[in-house]
Protein backbone atom coordinates (compact mmCIF):
# COMPACT_ATOMS: atom_id res chain seq x y z
CA UNK A 1 34.78 -7.57 -1.87
CA UNK A 2 35.12 -10.36 -4.41
CA UNK A 3 32.50 -11.05 -7.12
CA UNK A 4 31.27 -13.98 -5.01
CA UNK A 5 29.78 -11.73 -2.32
CA UNK A 6 27.37 -9.74 -4.53
CA UNK A 7 26.41 -12.97 -6.31
CA UNK A 8 25.49 -14.59 -2.99
CA UNK A 9 23.77 -11.41 -1.81
CA UNK A 10 21.50 -11.21 -4.85
CA UNK A 11 20.83 -14.90 -5.44
CA UNK A 12 20.50 -16.00 -1.83
CA UNK A 13 19.71 -12.85 0.14
CA UNK A 14 16.84 -11.32 -1.84
CA UNK A 15 13.45 -12.42 -3.14
CA UNK A 16 15.27 -13.65 -6.23
CA UNK A 17 16.10 -16.74 -4.19
CA UNK A 18 12.42 -17.72 -4.13
CA UNK A 19 12.21 -17.36 -7.91
CA UNK A 20 15.32 -19.45 -8.49
CA UNK A 21 14.11 -22.21 -6.19
CA UNK A 22 10.55 -22.14 -7.62
CA UNK A 23 11.74 -22.43 -11.21
CA UNK A 24 14.31 -25.16 -10.65
CA UNK A 25 14.55 -26.66 -7.16
CA UNK A 26 18.09 -27.48 -6.13
CA UNK A 27 19.66 -24.97 -8.53
CA UNK A 28 20.46 -22.18 -6.07
CA UNK A 29 24.18 -22.98 -5.97
CA UNK A 30 24.42 -23.20 -9.76
CA UNK A 31 22.56 -19.90 -10.17
CA UNK A 32 24.88 -18.24 -7.65
CA UNK A 33 27.93 -19.64 -9.48
CA UNK A 34 26.55 -18.34 -12.79
CA UNK A 35 25.95 -14.88 -11.30
CA UNK A 36 29.49 -14.83 -9.94
CA UNK A 37 30.86 -15.75 -13.37
CA UNK A 38 28.83 -13.00 -15.02
CA UNK A 39 30.02 -10.39 -12.53
CA UNK A 40 33.61 -11.56 -12.98
CA UNK A 41 33.30 -11.44 -16.78
CA UNK A 42 31.99 -7.90 -16.68
CA UNK A 43 34.02 -6.40 -13.83
CA UNK A 44 37.03 -8.70 -13.40
CA UNK A 45 38.00 -10.88 -10.46
CA UNK A 46 39.22 -8.06 -8.24
CA UNK A 47 37.29 -6.05 -5.71
CA UNK A 48 33.74 -5.10 -6.69
CA UNK A 49 32.26 -1.90 -5.28
CA UNK A 50 29.11 -0.21 -6.50
CA UNK A 51 25.88 1.33 -5.33
CA UNK A 52 22.75 -0.80 -5.27
CA UNK A 53 19.90 0.51 -7.37
CA UNK A 54 16.26 -0.48 -7.69
CA UNK A 55 13.44 0.40 -10.05
CA UNK A 56 9.95 0.25 -8.61
CA UNK A 57 7.03 0.23 -11.03
CA UNK A 58 3.44 0.48 -9.83
CA UNK A 59 0.42 -0.15 -12.00
CA UNK A 60 -3.03 1.08 -11.04
CA UNK A 61 -6.05 -0.66 -12.46
């Protein structure tokens, strides 16, 4: 899969989309393009394959 697919998945297919749109309406495409560029810079333009990881932090008051 190309770097574009994980960029779209994270920026447009998760709750991150709501944050992007809330902070700067109309910037979803630019944010996705920026994420793609960052992935490409770090991993190259070839196929990208990796496991997805999450950190969940709970605070009790």
